[in-house]
Protein backbone atom coordinates (compact mmCIF):
# COMPACT_ATOMS: atom_id res chain seq x y z
CA MET A 1 106.53 80.25 129.65
CA THR A 2 109.03 79.11 126.69
CA ARG A 3 111.77 81.13 125.79
CA LEU A 4 112.88 81.43 122.18
CA GLU A 5 116.70 82.91 121.36
CA LEU A 6 116.44 84.16 117.42
CA LYS A 7 119.40 85.89 117.88
CA ASN A 8 121.77 83.06 116.67
CA HIS A 9 118.91 81.24 114.53
CA GLN A 10 119.59 79.89 111.40
CA VAL A 11 116.41 82.19 109.66
CA TRP A 12 119.00 84.85 110.01
CA GLN A 13 121.37 83.53 107.83
CA ASP A 14 119.00 82.34 105.24
CA LEU A 15 116.97 85.68 105.00
CA THR A 16 120.72 87.68 104.51
CA GLU A 17 121.39 85.01 101.82
CA ILE A 18 118.30 85.22 99.96
CA LEU A 19 118.55 89.52 100.22
CA GLN A 20 122.72 89.38 99.25
CA ASN A 21 121.86 87.52 95.87
CA LEU A 22 118.50 89.84 94.87
CA ASP A 23 119.35 92.27 92.31
CA ALA A 24 117.34 95.11 93.86
CA ASN A 25 118.17 97.57 91.50
CA LEU A 26 117.19 95.33 88.68
CA LEU A 27 113.56 95.20 89.80
CA VAL A 28 113.09 98.89 90.95
CA GLN A 29 114.50 99.71 87.18
CA GLU A 30 111.96 96.96 85.85
CA HIS A 31 109.00 99.20 87.98
CA LEU A 32 110.12 102.41 87.08
CA ASP A 33 110.28 101.39 83.11
CA ARG A 34 106.77 99.29 83.56
CA CYS A 35 105.67 102.70 84.99
CA ASP A 36 106.81 104.92 82.76
CA TYR A 37 108.21 107.01 85.64
CA LYS A 38 104.84 107.97 86.65
CA VAL A 39 102.96 108.05 89.73
CA CYS A 40 99.43 107.87 88.70
CA GLY A 41 96.16 108.98 91.61
CA TYR A 42 98.89 110.84 94.30
CA TRP A 43 97.70 111.65 97.33
CA ASP A 44 100.32 113.79 99.07
CA GLU A 45 100.69 114.34 103.21
CA GLN A 46 98.27 117.85 102.73
CA ASP A 47 95.38 115.20 101.15
CA GLU A 48 96.26 117.47 98.01
CA TYR A 49 95.53 115.04 94.89
CA TYR A 50 97.76 114.70 92.03
CA GLU A 51 96.56 112.87 88.83
CA LYS A 52 100.07 112.32 87.73
CA ILE A 53 103.48 113.06 88.40
CA THR A 54 105.99 112.59 86.37
CA LEU A 55 110.00 111.74 87.50
CA PRO A 56 112.55 112.27 85.83
CA ARG A 57 114.08 109.94 83.98
CA THR A 58 117.63 110.15 85.04
CA LEU A 59 116.31 109.21 88.53
CA GLU A 60 118.44 107.61 91.07
CA ALA A 61 117.14 104.38 93.26
CA GLU A 62 119.10 103.44 96.48
CA LEU A 63 117.96 100.56 98.36
CA VAL A 64 117.75 101.85 102.05
CA SER A 65 116.09 98.72 103.64
CA SER A 66 114.70 95.35 103.28
CA SER A 67 112.99 92.94 105.08
CA ILE A 68 110.94 89.88 104.59
CA GLY A 69 106.98 89.96 106.29
CA VAL A 70 104.75 86.84 107.55
CA SER A 71 101.51 86.50 107.78
CA HIS A 72 99.07 83.98 108.61
CA LYS A 73 98.69 83.12 105.13
CA GLU A 74 101.42 84.71 103.27
CA ARG A 75 104.99 85.52 102.86
CA PHE A 76 106.15 88.39 101.59
CA LEU A 77 108.88 90.66 100.59
CA GLN A 78 109.47 94.57 101.07
CA LEU A 79 112.51 96.45 99.39
CA LYS A 80 112.33 100.36 100.55
CA PHE A 81 114.74 103.13 98.32
CA LEU A 82 115.76 106.63 98.35
CA LEU A 83 114.62 108.19 95.15
CA ILE A 84 117.38 110.62 94.43
CA ALA A 85 117.16 113.43 90.96
CA ASP A 86 120.92 114.54 90.31
CA ALA A 87 120.70 118.20 89.17
CA VAL A 88 123.95 118.68 87.51
CA ASP A 89 125.34 122.63 87.74
CA ASN A 90 126.76 123.64 84.34
CA THR A 91 127.89 126.87 85.66
CA LYS A 92 130.80 124.73 87.62
CA THR A 93 132.41 121.85 85.87
CA ALA A 94 132.28 118.55 87.47
CA SER A 95 129.91 119.81 90.10
CA SER A 96 126.19 117.74 90.60
CA ASN A 97 123.30 118.37 93.67
CA ALA A 98 122.31 115.40 94.32
CA GLN A 99 118.00 115.80 95.36
CA LYS A 100 115.89 113.67 97.60
CA LEU A 101 112.82 113.25 95.47
CA GLY A 102 111.20 110.70 98.32
CA GLU A 103 111.05 107.26 98.68
CA LEU A 104 109.30 103.89 96.79
CA VAL A 105 108.14 100.77 98.82
CA LEU A 106 107.99 97.30 96.33
CA ILE A 107 106.53 94.62 97.80
CA TYR A 108 106.73 90.63 96.32
CA ASP A 109 105.33 87.87 97.25
CA GLU A 110 107.31 84.82 98.19
CA ASN A 111 107.65 84.13 94.54
CA LEU A 112 109.01 87.34 93.76
CA GLU A 113 105.33 88.46 92.25
CA PHE A 114 104.75 92.15 92.25
CA ILE A 115 102.35 92.69 95.18
CA ASP A 116 102.54 96.01 96.00
CA GLU A 117 103.71 99.76 95.70
CA ASN A 118 103.77 102.70 98.15
CA TRP A 119 105.04 106.27 97.08
CA LEU A 120 106.08 109.12 99.38
CA LEU A 121 106.97 112.20 97.23
CA ASP A 122 108.64 115.57 97.91
CA VAL A 123 106.10 117.11 95.62
CA ASP A 124 108.28 120.72 95.93
CA SER A 125 110.99 119.38 94.12
CA PRO A 126 111.13 120.75 90.79
CA PHE A 127 112.55 117.73 89.43
CA LEU A 128 108.79 116.48 89.11
CA VAL A 129 106.37 117.53 86.94
CA LYS A 130 102.94 117.94 88.38
CA ARG A 131 99.55 117.27 87.28
CA SER A 132 96.53 118.12 89.71
CA GLY A 133 93.07 116.09 89.47
């Protein structure tokens, strides 16, 4: 049996360099702008269908993980973002209450062309405007 040691392999340095030079915030912002902060045709975890969910324009997206995948014929980059709404409490000065709205996973090909998205939303959040189908 051949033993392959990847711990100190050059591939990790190369991948780290790629991910450090990637502007993930720009990619997620472009995606949100392109979809106009709307998610269409969403099924929640209880199999309830929403025709459209509108996200707040003040939404913040925080990159929580990134990975590179390789299949037999394709290579892809997967970026996972935490979606956060910042609700300012107007009754107190300089107070805010950040609430997690969900997660967004964006998948790009090796040329950084968009392939797919995966939303996981907290449909009970008061920050989301929902229209059932």
